[in-house]
């Protein structure tokens, strides 16, 4: 994935999060949780994309 695609994905995610925060009425605590989940997911995606989370591929859950 090129750097341009990464930047475009970040812009799209940011705009979607802004739209949800601005135009969908919900409690402040739910907005905070949503924002935290999206930010954590994006950070984990970026770390995985740049190869900094390779150790997670060795972890097995279950059998």
PDB file of N, CA and C in Angstrom:
ATOM      1  N   UNK A   1       0.861  -1.171   0.000  1.00  0.00           N
ATOM      2  CA  UNK A   1       0.000   0.000   0.000  1.00  0.00           C
ATOM      3  C   UNK A   1       0.904   1.230   0.000  1.00  0.00           C
ATOM      4  N   UNK A   2       0.653   2.128  -0.915  1.00  0.00           N
ATOM      5  CA  UNK A   2       1.492   3.307  -1.021  1.00  0.00           C
ATOM      6  C   UNK A   2       1.130   4.332   0.051  1.00  0.00           C
ATOM      7  N   UNK A   3       2.024   5.271   0.212  1.00  0.00           N
ATOM      8  CA  UNK A   3       1.813   6.318   1.218  1.00  0.00           C
ATOM      9  C   UNK A   3       0.592   7.159   0.884  1.00  0.00           C
ATOM     10  N   UNK A   4       0.323   7.335  -0.384  1.00  0.00           N
ATOM     11  CA  UNK A   4      -0.858   8.097  -0.796  1.00  0.00           C
ATOM     12  C   UNK A   4      -2.145   7.399  -0.353  1.00  0.00           C
ATOM     13  N   UNK A   5      -2.188   6.079  -0.482  1.00  0.00           N
ATOM     14  CA  UNK A   5      -3.363   5.332  -0.032  1.00  0.00           C
ATOM     15  C   UNK A   5      -3.538   5.432   1.474  1.00  0.00           C
ATOM     16  N   UNK A   6      -2.436   5.382   2.197  1.00  0.00           N
ATOM     17  CA  UNK A   6      -2.509   5.493   3.659  1.00  0.00           C
ATOM     18  C   UNK A   6      -3.069   6.853   4.048  1.00  0.00           C
ATOM     19  N   UNK A   7      -2.594   7.899   3.417  1.00  0.00           N
ATOM     20  CA  UNK A   7      -3.072   9.246   3.722  1.00  0.00           C
ATOM     21  C   UNK A   7      -4.549   9.380   3.356  1.00  0.00           C
ATOM     22  N   UNK A   8      -4.942   8.824   2.228  1.00  0.00           N
ATOM     23  CA  UNK A   8      -6.351   8.887   1.826  1.00  0.00           C
ATOM     24  C   UNK A   8      -7.249   8.136   2.809  1.00  0.00           C
ATOM     25  N   UNK A   9      -6.812   6.974   3.273  1.00  0.00           N
ATOM     26  CA  UNK A   9      -7.598   6.226   4.253  1.00  0.00           C
ATOM     27  C   UNK A   9      -7.722   7.014   5.544  1.00  0.00           C
ATOM     28  N   UNK A  10      -6.639   7.634   5.995  1.00  0.00           N
ATOM     29  CA  UNK A  10      -6.689   8.434   7.214  1.00  0.00           C
ATOM     30  C   UNK A  10      -7.633   9.620   7.066  1.00  0.00           C
ATOM     31  N   UNK A  11      -7.635  10.257   5.902  1.00  0.00           N
ATOM     32  CA  UNK A  11      -8.531  11.387   5.663  1.00  0.00           C
ATOM     33  C   UNK A  11      -9.986  10.915   5.658  1.00  0.00           C
ATOM     34  N   UNK A  12     -10.259   9.805   5.002  1.00  0.00           N
ATOM     35  CA  UNK A  12     -11.631   9.284   4.949  1.00  0.00           C
ATOM     36  C   UNK A  12     -12.120   8.902   6.338  1.00  0.00           C
ATOM     37  N   UNK A  13     -11.286   8.217   7.110  1.00  0.00           N
ATOM     38  CA  UNK A  13     -11.670   7.842   8.470  1.00  0.00           C
ATOM     39  C   UNK A  13     -11.905   9.087   9.321  1.00  0.00           C
ATOM     40  N   UNK A  14     -11.069  10.082   9.186  1.00  0.00           N
ATOM     41  CA  UNK A  14     -11.241  11.317   9.941  1.00  0.00           C
ATOM     42  C   UNK A  14     -12.516  12.045   9.585  1.00  0.00           C
ATOM     43  N   UNK A  15     -12.817  12.124   8.298  1.00  0.00           N
ATOM     44  CA  UNK A  15     -14.044  12.802   7.865  1.00  0.00           C
ATOM     45  C   UNK A  15     -15.278  12.030   8.329  1.00  0.00           C
ATOM     46  N   UNK A  16     -15.243  10.706   8.222  1.00  0.00           N
ATOM     47  CA  UNK A  16     -16.376   9.911   8.691  1.00  0.00           C
ATOM     48  C   UNK A  16     -16.581  10.060  10.195  1.00  0.00           C
ATOM     49  N   UNK A  17     -15.502  10.059  10.947  1.00  0.00           N
ATOM     50  CA  UNK A  17     -15.624  10.246  12.391  1.00  0.00           C
ATOM     51  C   UNK A  17     -16.157  11.635  12.707  1.00  0.00           C
ATOM     52  N   UNK A  18     -15.721  12.648  11.980  1.00  0.00           N
ATOM     53  CA  UNK A  18     -16.226  14.005  12.191  1.00  0.00           C
ATOM     54  C   UNK A  18     -17.719  14.086  11.856  1.00  0.00           C
ATOM     55  N   UNK A  19     -18.121  13.443  10.763  1.00  0.00           N
ATOM     56  CA  UNK A  19     -19.537  13.449  10.394  1.00  0.00           C
ATOM     57  C   UNK A  19     -20.392  12.771  11.455  1.00  0.00           C
ATOM     58  N   UNK A  20     -19.927  11.638  11.954  1.00  0.00           N
ATOM     59  CA  UNK A  20     -20.678  10.940  13.000  1.00  0.00           C
ATOM     60  C   UNK A  20     -20.771  11.799  14.246  1.00  0.00           C
ATOM     61  N   UNK A  21     -19.654  12.410  14.640  1.00  0.00           N
ATOM     62  CA  UNK A  21     -19.647  13.248  15.842  1.00  0.00           C
ATOM     63  C   UNK A  21     -20.502  14.501  15.680  1.00  0.00           C
ATOM     64  N   UNK A  22     -20.567  15.033  14.481  1.00  0.00           N
ATOM     65  CA  UNK A  22     -21.278  16.292  14.266  1.00  0.00           C
ATOM     66  C   UNK A  22     -22.772  16.117  14.038  1.00  0.00           C
ATOM     67  N   UNK A  23     -23.158  15.102  13.297  1.00  0.00           N
ATOM     68  CA  UNK A  23     -24.525  15.034  12.818  1.00  0.00           C
ATOM     69  C   UNK A  23     -25.373  13.914  13.406  1.00  0.00           C
ATOM     70  N   UNK A  24     -24.783  12.990  14.132  1.00  0.00           N
ATOM     71  CA  UNK A  24     -25.575  11.924  14.752  1.00  0.00           C
ATOM     72  C   UNK A  24     -25.661  12.206  16.244  1.00  0.00           C
ATOM     73  N   UNK A  25     -26.864  12.464  16.735  1.00  0.00           N
ATOM     74  CA  UNK A  25     -26.998  12.777  18.165  1.00  0.00           C
ATOM     75  C   UNK A  25     -26.829  11.520  19.021  1.00  0.00           C
ATOM     76  N   UNK A  26     -25.898  11.617  19.954  1.00  0.00           N
ATOM     77  CA  UNK A  26     -25.690  10.528  20.907  1.00  0.00           C
ATOM     78  C   UNK A  26     -25.045  11.097  22.159  1.00  0.00           C
ATOM     79  N   UNK A  27     -25.090  10.327  23.215  1.00  0.00           N
ATOM     80  CA  UNK A  27     -24.547  10.789  24.492  1.00  0.00           C
ATOM     81  C   UNK A  27     -23.041  11.010  24.371  1.00  0.00           C
ATOM     82  N   UNK A  28     -22.557  11.928  25.186  1.00  0.00           N
ATOM     83  CA  UNK A  28     -21.137  12.259  25.155  1.00  0.00           C
ATOM     84  C   UNK A  28     -20.240  11.087  25.498  1.00  0.00           C
ATOM     85  N   UNK A  29     -20.692  10.240  26.419  1.00  0.00           N
ATOM     86  CA  UNK A  29     -19.868   9.089  26.790  1.00  0.00           C
ATOM     87  C   UNK A  29     -19.755   8.099  25.627  1.00  0.00           C
ATOM     88  N   UNK A  30     -20.835   7.943  24.867  1.00  0.00           N
ATOM     89  CA  UNK A  30     -20.788   7.037  23.721  1.00  0.00           C
ATOM     90  C   UNK A  30     -19.869   7.606  22.639  1.00  0.00           C
ATOM     91  N   UNK A  31     -19.911   8.925  22.437  1.00  0.00           N
ATOM     92  CA  UNK A  31     -19.011   9.552  21.474  1.00  0.00           C
ATOM     93  C   UNK A  31     -17.559   9.354  21.874  1.00  0.00           C
ATOM     94  N   UNK A  32     -17.280   9.491  23.164  1.00  0.00           N
ATOM     95  CA  UNK A  32     -15.909   9.302  23.636  1.00  0.00           C
ATOM     96  C   UNK A  32     -15.437   7.877  23.400  1.00  0.00           C
ATOM     97  N   UNK A  33     -16.300   6.909  23.687  1.00  0.00           N
ATOM     98  CA  UNK A  33     -15.942   5.510  23.467  1.00  0.00           C
ATOM     99  C   UNK A  33     -15.735   5.240  21.978  1.00  0.00           C
ATOM    100  N   UNK A  34     -16.617   5.762  21.142  1.00  0.00           N
ATOM    101  CA  UNK A  34     -16.488   5.588  19.697  1.00  0.00           C
ATOM    102  C   UNK A  34     -15.188   6.184  19.182  1.00  0.00           C
ATOM    103  N   UNK A  35     -14.880   7.396  19.624  1.00  0.00           N
ATOM    104  CA  UNK A  35     -13.633   8.046  19.214  1.00  0.00           C
ATOM    105  C   UNK A  35     -12.424   7.233  19.645  1.00  0.00           C
ATOM    106  N   UNK A  36     -12.431   6.731  20.873  1.00  0.00           N
ATOM    107  CA  UNK A  36     -11.303   5.941  21.373  1.00  0.00           C
ATOM    108  C   UNK A  36     -11.141   4.655  20.575  1.00  0.00           C
ATOM    109  N   UNK A  37     -12.253   3.985  20.280  1.00  0.00           N
ATOM    110  CA  UNK A  37     -12.180   2.735  19.521  1.00  0.00           C
ATOM    111  C   UNK A  37     -11.631   2.980  18.121  1.00  0.00           C
ATOM    112  N   UNK A  38     -12.093   4.036  17.470  1.00  0.00           N
ATOM    113  CA  UNK A  38     -11.624   4.342  16.115  1.00  0.00           C
ATOM    114  C   UNK A  38     -10.146   4.705  16.130  1.00  0.00           C
ATOM    115  N   UNK A  39      -9.721   5.517  17.085  1.00  0.00           N
ATOM    116  CA  UNK A  39      -8.317   5.914  17.160  1.00  0.00           C
ATOM    117  C   UNK A  39      -7.435   4.703  17.434  1.00  0.00           C
ATOM    118  N   UNK A  40      -7.837   3.841  18.364  1.00  0.00           N
ATOM    119  CA  UNK A  40      -7.046   2.641  18.669  1.00  0.00           C
ATOM    120  C   UNK A  40      -6.981   1.730  17.450  1.00  0.00           C
ATOM    121  N   UNK A  41      -8.100   1.555  16.751  1.00  0.00           N
ATOM    122  CA  UNK A  41      -8.111   0.710  15.558  1.00  0.00           C
ATOM    123  C   UNK A  41      -7.198   1.263  14.469  1.00  0.00           C
ATOM    124  N   UNK A  42      -7.215   2.571  14.271  1.00  0.00           N
ATOM    125  CA  UNK A  42      -6.364   3.187  13.245  1.00  0.00           C
ATOM    126  C   UNK A  42      -4.891   3.065  13.628  1.00  0.00           C
ATOM    127  N   UNK A  43      -4.568   3.273  14.884  1.00  0.00           N
ATOM    128  CA  UNK A  43      -3.174   3.151  15.326  1.00  0.00           C
ATOM    129  C   UNK A  43      -2.687   1.717  15.160  1.00  0.00           C
ATOM    130  N   UNK A  44      -3.506   0.735  15.543  1.00  0.00           N
ATOM    131  CA  UNK A  44      -3.120  -0.663  15.365  1.00  0.00           C
ATOM    132  C   UNK A  44      -2.974  -1.009  13.882  1.00  0.00           C
ATOM    133  N   UNK A  45      -3.866  -0.486  13.046  1.00  0.00           N
ATOM    134  CA  UNK A  45      -3.765  -0.717  11.607  1.00  0.00           C
ATOM    135  C   UNK A  45      -2.467  -0.140  11.050  1.00  0.00           C
ATOM    136  N   UNK A  46      -2.127   1.076  11.474  1.00  0.00           N
ATOM    137  CA  UNK A  46      -0.887   1.698  11.000  1.00  0.00           C
ATOM    138  C   UNK A  46       0.342   0.931  11.477  1.00  0.00           C
ATOM    139  N   UNK A  47       0.342   0.513  12.734  1.00  0.00           N
ATOM    140  CA  UNK A  47       1.478  -0.260  13.247  1.00  0.00           C
ATOM    141  C   UNK A  47       1.619  -1.573  12.494  1.00  0.00           C
ATOM    142  N   UNK A  48       0.515  -2.223  12.211  1.00  0.00           N
ATOM    143  CA  UNK A  48       0.555  -3.465  11.451  1.00  0.00           C
ATOM    144  C   UNK A  48       1.011  -3.212  10.020  1.00  0.00           C
ATOM    145  N   UNK A  49       0.547  -2.124   9.431  1.00  0.00           N
ATOM    146  CA  UNK A  49       0.895  -1.785   8.061  1.00  0.00           C
ATOM    147  C   UNK A  49       2.395  -1.552   7.907  1.00  0.00           C
ATOM    148  N   UNK A  50       3.011  -0.907   8.888  1.00  0.00           N
ATOM    149  CA  UNK A  50       4.437  -0.616   8.823  1.00  0.00           C
ATOM    150  C   UNK A  50       5.298  -1.725   9.419  1.00  0.00           C
ATOM    151  N   UNK A  51       4.665  -2.842   9.773  1.00  0.00           N
ATOM    152  CA  UNK A  51       5.429  -4.004  10.207  1.00  0.00           C
ATOM    153  C   UNK A  51       5.873  -3.985  11.643  1.00  0.00           C
ATOM    154  N   UNK A  52       5.290  -3.175  12.472  1.00  0.00           N
ATOM    155  CA  UNK A  52       5.696  -3.091  13.864  1.00  0.00           C
ATOM    156  C   UNK A  52       4.902  -4.022  14.767  1.00  0.00           C
ATOM    157  N   UNK A  53       3.923  -4.715  14.212  1.00  0.00           N
ATOM    158  CA  UNK A  53       3.121  -5.647  14.997  1.00  0.00           C
ATOM    159  C   UNK A  53       3.238  -7.067  14.462  1.00  0.00           C
ATOM    160  N   UNK A  54       4.374  -7.426  13.916  1.00  0.00           N
ATOM    161  CA  UNK A  54       4.544  -8.767  13.372  1.00  0.00           C
ATOM    162  C   UNK A  54       4.463  -9.836  14.446  1.00  0.00           C
ATOM    163  N   UNK A  55       4.803  -9.480  15.665  1.00  0.00           N
ATOM    164  CA  UNK A  55       4.766 -10.472  16.735  1.00  0.00           C
ATOM    165  C   UNK A  55       3.340 -10.932  17.024  1.00  0.00           C
ATOM    166  N   UNK A  56       2.339 -10.170  16.650  1.00  0.00           N
ATOM    167  CA  UNK A  56       0.950 -10.563  16.890  1.00  0.00           C
ATOM    168  C   UNK A  56       0.515 -11.709  15.983  1.00  0.00           C
ATOM    169  N   UNK A  57       1.177 -11.898  14.874  1.00  0.00           N
ATOM    170  CA  UNK A  57       0.784 -12.982  13.972  1.00  0.00           C
ATOM    171  C   UNK A  57       1.141 -14.348  14.553  1.00  0.00           C
ATOM    172  N   UNK A  58       2.035 -14.405  15.525  1.00  0.00           N
ATOM    173  CA  UNK A  58       2.414 -15.670  16.145  1.00  0.00           C
ATOM    174  C   UNK A  58       1.505 -16.091  17.272  1.00  0.00           C
ATOM    175  N   UNK A  59       0.627 -15.216  17.717  1.00  0.00           N
ATOM    176  CA  UNK A  59      -0.256 -15.502  18.847  1.00  0.00           C
ATOM    177  C   UNK A  59      -1.442 -16.321  18.353  1.00  0.00           C
ATOM    178  N   UNK A  60      -1.704 -17.439  19.001  1.00  0.00           N
ATOM    179  CA  UNK A  60      -2.834 -18.302  18.647  1.00  0.00           C
ATOM    180  C   UNK A  60      -3.868 -18.252  19.758  1.00  0.00           C
ATOM    181  N   UNK A  61      -5.127 -18.125  19.369  1.00  0.00           N
ATOM    182  CA  UNK A  61      -6.222 -18.151  20.328  1.00  0.00           C
ATOM    183  C   UNK A  61      -7.012 -19.428  20.068  1.00  0.00           C
ATOM    184  N   UNK A  62      -7.159 -20.236  21.084  1.00  0.00           N
ATOM    185  CA  UNK A  62      -7.864 -21.499  20.937  1.00  0.00           C
ATOM    186  C   UNK A  62      -6.935 -22.602  20.461  1.00  0.00           C
ATOM    187  N   UNK A  63      -7.513 -23.602  19.779  1.00  0.00           N
ATOM    188  CA  UNK A  63      -6.715 -24.748  19.325  1.00  0.00           C
ATOM    189  C   UNK A  63      -6.063 -24.391  18.065  1.00  0.00           C
TER     190      UNK A  63
END
